[in-house]
Amino acid sequence: MGEIIDLRGAALELKIKKAYRNWNSRFNTQYHLGTKAQDIGNEALKFLIQGKGEGLFYIYDLIMHIEGLGSGAHFYELPPEQKMRVIDRFLLILDILRFEYMKRLGWIKDYPGQEYTLVDLILSYEQLAPSLQAQIPSLSRNHPLYQKFCLLNYKEKEILIRKLIPKALNTDIDYSTTL
């Protein structure tokens, strides 16, 4: 009796392999279908969370390959509707990566979407994004602003978390306290 071959699964695996090709080469690792933000090394994460320059290209490239839109190098050539589709996913992925970095710094306890793979966040954007974007990360009890955070309303908590991002972008992970 012949083997049953999952063509859709095999096609997705090939697409994901191609989507992570530049990441694997640049960061000298093997990202794959199951890669979550917490699986990305500290140096790669710090590079990606800047949200500009080459880091921007790598995230666009991942999204565009997964979405079947080609290389991230061609982002600016996309029609406006496809460009917005990529930007929406980019902003979600960027938030997830930045929150992961802040978690490694010990600033936040957890964040919405940490249980999803990057591929799931891209492919299931329409289903996942509304609920993920309606939530905010939990500030760590050890953070100096924790008491203030507890007294704020939802919107003020979101503002406080987002105001921490620029500082996080300029902060290196202290391996002695995160290991």
C-alpha atoms as a PDB file:
ATOM      1  CA  MET A   1       0.000   0.000   0.000  1.00  0.00           C
ATOM      2  CA  GLY A   2       1.305   3.492  -0.878  1.00  0.00           C
ATOM      3  CA  GLU A   3       2.170   6.225   1.572  1.00  0.00           C
ATOM      4  CA  ILE A   4      -0.171   9.179   1.963  1.00  0.00           C
ATOM      5  CA  ILE A   5       1.720  12.355   1.226  1.00  0.00           C
ATOM      6  CA  ASP A   6       0.538  15.612   2.743  1.00  0.00           C
ATOM      7  CA  LEU A   7       1.094  17.917  -0.237  1.00  0.00           C
ATOM      8  CA  ARG A   8      -0.191  21.009   1.530  1.00  0.00           C
ATOM      9  CA  GLY A   9       2.077  20.372   4.493  1.00  0.00           C
ATOM     10  CA  ALA A  10       5.057  19.727   2.229  1.00  0.00           C
ATOM     11  CA  ALA A  11       4.344  22.884   0.226  1.00  0.00           C
ATOM     12  CA  LEU A  12       4.092  24.913   3.435  1.00  0.00           C
ATOM     13  CA  GLU A  13       7.384  23.475   4.688  1.00  0.00           C
ATOM     14  CA  LEU A  14       9.090  24.501   1.435  1.00  0.00           C
ATOM     15  CA  LYS A  15       7.575  27.989   1.642  1.00  0.00           C
ATOM     16  CA  ILE A  16       8.719  28.366   5.257  1.00  0.00           C
ATOM     17  CA  LYS A  17      12.210  27.104   4.437  1.00  0.00           C
ATOM     18  CA  LYS A  18      12.458  29.734   1.697  1.00  0.00           C
ATOM     19  CA  ALA A  19      10.969  32.410   3.981  1.00  0.00           C
ATOM     20  CA  TYR A  20      13.610  31.798   6.670  1.00  0.00           C
ATOM     21  CA  ARG A  21      16.495  31.367   4.202  1.00  0.00           C
ATOM     22  CA  ASN A  22      17.841  34.904   4.764  1.00  0.00           C
ATOM     23  CA  TRP A  23      17.308  34.680   8.520  1.00  0.00           C
ATOM     24  CA  ASN A  24      19.161  31.370   8.740  1.00  0.00           C
ATOM     25  CA  SER A  25      22.037  32.741   6.697  1.00  0.00           C
ATOM     26  CA  ARG A  26      22.261  36.119   8.506  1.00  0.00           C
ATOM     27  CA  PHE A  27      21.860  34.762  12.028  1.00  0.00           C
ATOM     28  CA  ASN A  28      23.670  31.456  11.455  1.00  0.00           C
ATOM     29  CA  THR A  29      20.876  29.328  12.894  1.00  0.00           C
ATOM     30  CA  GLN A  30      17.958  27.188  11.726  1.00  0.00           C
ATOM     31  CA  TYR A  31      14.595  28.887  12.077  1.00  0.00           C
ATOM     32  CA  HIS A  32      11.607  26.856  10.931  1.00  0.00           C
ATOM     33  CA  LEU A  33       7.830  26.418  10.952  1.00  0.00           C
ATOM     34  CA  GLY A  34       7.770  26.104  14.755  1.00  0.00           C
ATOM     35  CA  THR A  35       9.895  29.175  15.527  1.00  0.00           C
ATOM     36  CA  LYS A  36       8.465  31.467  18.189  1.00  0.00           C
ATOM     37  CA  ALA A  37       9.845  34.818  19.337  1.00  0.00           C
ATOM     38  CA  GLN A  38      11.430  33.142  22.360  1.00  0.00           C
ATOM     39  CA  ASP A  39      13.434  30.871  20.008  1.00  0.00           C
ATOM     40  CA  ILE A  40      15.313  33.803  18.466  1.00  0.00           C
ATOM     41  CA  GLY A  41      18.787  34.470  19.854  1.00  0.00           C
ATOM     42  CA  ASN A  42      19.460  37.679  21.771  1.00  0.00           C
ATOM     43  CA  GLU A  43      21.682  39.245  19.106  1.00  0.00           C
ATOM     44  CA  ALA A  44      19.245  38.455  16.291  1.00  0.00           C
ATOM     45  CA  LEU A  45      16.343  39.742  18.369  1.00  0.00           C
ATOM     46  CA  LYS A  46      18.163  42.994  19.180  1.00  0.00           C
ATOM     47  CA  PHE A  47      18.875  43.429  15.449  1.00  0.00           C
ATOM     48  CA  LEU A  48      15.253  42.784  14.407  1.00  0.00           C
ATOM     49  CA  ILE A  49      13.529  44.959  17.020  1.00  0.00           C
ATOM     50  CA  GLN A  50      15.086  48.158  15.720  1.00  0.00           C
ATOM     51  CA  GLY A  51      12.318  48.209  13.079  1.00  0.00           C
ATOM     52  CA  LYS A  52      14.424  49.983  10.500  1.00  0.00           C
ATOM     53  CA  GLY A  53      17.228  49.419   8.026  1.00  0.00           C
ATOM     54  CA  GLU A  54      18.265  45.826   7.456  1.00  0.00           C
ATOM     55  CA  GLY A  55      16.102  44.556  10.308  1.00  0.00           C
ATOM     56  CA  LEU A  56      13.075  45.929   8.501  1.00  0.00           C
ATOM     57  CA  PHE A  57      14.059  43.997   5.377  1.00  0.00           C
ATOM     58  CA  TYR A  58      14.366  40.682   7.259  1.00  0.00           C
ATOM     59  CA  ILE A  59      10.892  40.958   8.752  1.00  0.00           C
ATOM     60  CA  TYR A  60       9.359  42.127   5.446  1.00  0.00           C
ATOM     61  CA  ASP A  61      11.159  39.277   3.689  1.00  0.00           C
ATOM     62  CA  LEU A  62       9.766  36.692   6.103  1.00  0.00           C
ATOM     63  CA  ILE A  63       6.220  38.028   5.769  1.00  0.00           C
ATOM     64  CA  MET A  64       6.328  38.430   2.004  1.00  0.00           C
ATOM     65  CA  HIS A  65       7.671  34.926   1.384  1.00  0.00           C
ATOM     66  CA  ILE A  66       5.059  33.393   3.686  1.00  0.00           C
ATOM     67  CA  GLU A  67       2.326  35.422   2.006  1.00  0.00           C
ATOM     68  CA  GLY A  68       3.600  34.421  -1.445  1.00  0.00           C
ATOM     69  CA  LEU A  69       4.549  37.992  -2.372  1.00  0.00           C
ATOM     70  CA  GLY A  70       8.213  37.388  -3.165  1.00  0.00           C
ATOM     71  CA  SER A  71      11.290  38.897  -1.549  1.00  0.00           C
ATOM     72  CA  GLY A  72      11.283  41.689   1.009  1.00  0.00           C
ATOM     73  CA  ALA A  73      13.601  43.551  -1.349  1.00  0.00           C
ATOM     74  CA  HIS A  74      10.538  44.189  -3.526  1.00  0.00           C
ATOM     75  CA  PHE A  75       8.320  45.582  -0.765  1.00  0.00           C
ATOM     76  CA  TYR A  76       8.246  49.092  -2.226  1.00  0.00           C
ATOM     77  CA  GLU A  77       7.095  47.720  -5.586  1.00  0.00           C
ATOM     78  CA  LEU A  78       3.960  46.106  -4.126  1.00  0.00           C
ATOM     79  CA  PRO A  79       0.534  47.530  -4.896  1.00  0.00           C
ATOM     80  CA  PRO A  80      -0.838  49.617  -1.985  1.00  0.00           C
ATOM     81  CA  GLU A  81      -3.276  46.916  -0.782  1.00  0.00           C
ATOM     82  CA  GLN A  82      -0.538  44.269  -0.553  1.00  0.00           C
ATOM     83  CA  LYS A  83       1.852  46.781   1.010  1.00  0.00           C
ATOM     84  CA  MET A  84      -0.700  47.478   3.772  1.00  0.00           C
ATOM     85  CA  ARG A  85      -1.164  43.728   4.292  1.00  0.00           C
ATOM     86  CA  VAL A  86       2.596  43.369   4.856  1.00  0.00           C
ATOM     87  CA  ILE A  87       2.762  46.447   7.110  1.00  0.00           C
ATOM     88  CA  ASP A  88      -0.092  45.176   9.309  1.00  0.00           C
ATOM     89  CA  ARG A  89       1.714  41.877   9.842  1.00  0.00           C
ATOM     90  CA  PHE A  90       5.036  43.657  10.281  1.00  0.00           C
ATOM     91  CA  LEU A  91       3.654  45.781  13.122  1.00  0.00           C
ATOM     92  CA  LEU A  92       2.284  42.722  14.916  1.00  0.00           C
ATOM     93  CA  ILE A  93       5.548  40.781  14.522  1.00  0.00           C
ATOM     94  CA  LEU A  94       7.577  43.817  15.604  1.00  0.00           C
ATOM     95  CA  ASP A  95       5.461  44.193  18.758  1.00  0.00           C
ATOM     96  CA  ILE A  96       5.856  40.491  19.574  1.00  0.00           C
ATOM     97  CA  LEU A  97       9.629  40.650  19.082  1.00  0.00           C
ATOM     98  CA  ARG A  98       9.957  43.837  21.137  1.00  0.00           C
ATOM     99  CA  PHE A  99       7.849  42.387  23.940  1.00  0.00           C
ATOM    100  CA  GLU A 100      10.006  39.256  23.909  1.00  0.00           C
ATOM    101  CA  TYR A 101      13.095  41.430  24.255  1.00  0.00           C
ATOM    102  CA  MET A 102      11.518  43.353  27.134  1.00  0.00           C
ATOM    103  CA  LYS A 103      10.674  40.028  28.772  1.00  0.00           C
ATOM    104  CA  ARG A 104      14.329  38.975  28.515  1.00  0.00           C
ATOM    105  CA  LEU A 105      15.317  42.266  30.098  1.00  0.00           C
ATOM    106  CA  GLY A 106      13.030  41.329  32.989  1.00  0.00           C
ATOM    107  CA  TRP A 107      10.766  44.319  32.388  1.00  0.00           C
ATOM    108  CA  ILE A 108       7.601  42.411  31.527  1.00  0.00           C
ATOM    109  CA  LYS A 109       6.293  39.115  32.850  1.00  0.00           C
ATOM    110  CA  ASP A 110       4.514  37.912  29.748  1.00  0.00           C
ATOM    111  CA  TYR A 111       2.886  39.275  26.635  1.00  0.00           C
ATOM    112  CA  PRO A 112      -0.023  38.489  24.313  1.00  0.00           C
ATOM    113  CA  GLY A 113       0.901  36.188  21.430  1.00  0.00           C
ATOM    114  CA  GLN A 114       3.975  34.613  22.986  1.00  0.00           C
ATOM    115  CA  GLU A 115       2.463  31.155  22.506  1.00  0.00           C
ATOM    116  CA  TYR A 116       2.237  31.508  18.706  1.00  0.00           C
ATOM    117  CA  THR A 117       4.857  30.820  16.075  1.00  0.00           C
ATOM    118  CA  LEU A 118       5.853  33.684  13.792  1.00  0.00           C
ATOM    119  CA  VAL A 119       4.358  31.726  10.889  1.00  0.00           C
ATOM    120  CA  ASP A 120       1.025  31.384  12.727  1.00  0.00           C
ATOM    121  CA  LEU A 121       1.000  35.112  13.492  1.00  0.00           C
ATOM    122  CA  ILE A 122       1.463  35.872   9.800  1.00  0.00           C
ATOM    123  CA  LEU A 123      -0.827  33.225   8.289  1.00  0.00           C
ATOM    124  CA  SER A 124      -3.595  33.673  10.869  1.00  0.00           C
ATOM    125  CA  TYR A 125      -3.271  37.432  11.225  1.00  0.00           C
ATOM    126  CA  GLU A 126      -6.964  38.176  10.653  1.00  0.00           C
ATOM    127  CA  GLN A 127      -8.027  35.737  13.373  1.00  0.00           C
ATOM    128  CA  LEU A 128      -5.276  36.464  15.911  1.00  0.00           C
ATOM    129  CA  ALA A 129      -4.442  40.160  15.607  1.00  0.00           C
ATOM    130  CA  PRO A 130      -7.675  41.713  16.934  1.00  0.00           C
ATOM    131  CA  SER A 131      -7.523  39.896  20.266  1.00  0.00           C
ATOM    132  CA  LEU A 132      -3.725  40.173  20.604  1.00  0.00           C
ATOM    133  CA  GLN A 133      -3.738  43.892  19.863  1.00  0.00           C
ATOM    134  CA  ALA A 134      -6.495  44.403  22.427  1.00  0.00           C
ATOM    135  CA  GLN A 135      -4.217  43.094  25.195  1.00  0.00           C
ATOM    136  CA  ILE A 136      -1.115  44.559  26.795  1.00  0.00           C
ATOM    137  CA  PRO A 137       1.906  42.866  28.352  1.00  0.00           C
ATOM    138  CA  SER A 138       2.114  42.478  32.120  1.00  0.00           C
ATOM    139  CA  LEU A 139       4.805  44.636  33.663  1.00  0.00           C
ATOM    140  CA  SER A 140       7.158  42.663  35.901  1.00  0.00           C
ATOM    141  CA  ARG A 141       6.777  43.116  39.657  1.00  0.00           C
ATOM    142  CA  ASN A 142      10.513  43.838  39.741  1.00  0.00           C
ATOM    143  CA  HIS A 143      10.256  46.802  37.383  1.00  0.00           C
ATOM    144  CA  PRO A 144      10.620  50.196  39.148  1.00  0.00           C
ATOM    145  CA  LEU A 145       7.358  51.408  37.582  1.00  0.00           C
ATOM    146  CA  TYR A 146       5.298  48.385  38.675  1.00  0.00           C
ATOM    147  CA  GLN A 147       3.417  50.152  41.507  1.00  0.00           C
ATOM    148  CA  LYS A 148       2.548  53.046  39.206  1.00  0.00           C
ATOM    149  CA  PHE A 149       1.510  50.565  36.484  1.00  0.00           C
ATOM    150  CA  CYS A 150      -0.953  48.878  38.856  1.00  0.00           C
ATOM    151  CA  LEU A 151      -2.751  52.179  39.486  1.00  0.00           C
ATOM    152  CA  LEU A 152      -3.244  53.048  35.817  1.00  0.00           C
ATOM    153  CA  ASN A 153      -6.260  52.383  33.643  1.00  0.00           C
ATOM    154  CA  TYR A 154      -5.941  50.126  30.602  1.00  0.00           C
ATOM    155  CA  LYS A 155      -5.038  52.856  28.103  1.00  0.00           C
ATOM    156  CA  GLU A 156      -2.491  54.413  30.456  1.00  0.00           C
ATOM    157  CA  LYS A 157      -0.904  50.981  30.992  1.00  0.00           C
ATOM    158  CA  GLU A 158      -0.541  50.541  27.247  1.00  0.00           C
ATOM    159  CA  ILE A 159       1.071  53.992  26.948  1.00  0.00           C
ATOM    160  CA  LEU A 160       3.506  53.220  29.774  1.00  0.00           C
ATOM    161  CA  ILE A 161       4.546  49.906  28.154  1.00  0.00           C
ATOM    162  CA  ARG A 162       5.010  51.556  24.753  1.00  0.00           C
ATOM    163  CA  LYS A 163       7.074  54.371  26.301  1.00  0.00           C
ATOM    164  CA  LEU A 164       9.482  51.699  27.571  1.00  0.00           C
ATOM    165  CA  ILE A 165      10.222  50.465  24.025  1.00  0.00           C
ATOM    166  CA  PRO A 166      12.770  53.176  23.053  1.00  0.00           C
ATOM    167  CA  LYS A 167      14.706  52.511  26.254  1.00  0.00           C
ATOM    168  CA  ALA A 168      14.597  48.757  25.573  1.00  0.00           C
ATOM    169  CA  LEU A 169      15.993  49.341  22.069  1.00  0.00           C
ATOM    170  CA  ASN A 170      19.045  50.953  23.671  1.00  0.00           C
ATOM    171  CA  THR A 171      19.475  48.406  26.462  1.00  0.00           C
ATOM    172  CA  ASP A 172      21.563  45.272  26.192  1.00  0.00           C
ATOM    173  CA  ILE A 173      20.533  42.101  27.935  1.00  0.00           C
ATOM    174  CA  ASP A 174      22.615  41.499  31.038  1.00  0.00           C
ATOM    175  CA  TYR A 175      23.422  37.816  30.779  1.00  0.00           C
ATOM    176  CA  SER A 176      24.294  37.586  34.469  1.00  0.00           C
ATOM    177  CA  THR A 177      20.716  38.403  35.488  1.00  0.00           C
ATOM    178  CA  THR A 178      18.802  36.694  32.680  1.00  0.00           C
ATOM    179  CA  LEU A 179      20.354  33.228  32.844  1.00  0.00           C
END
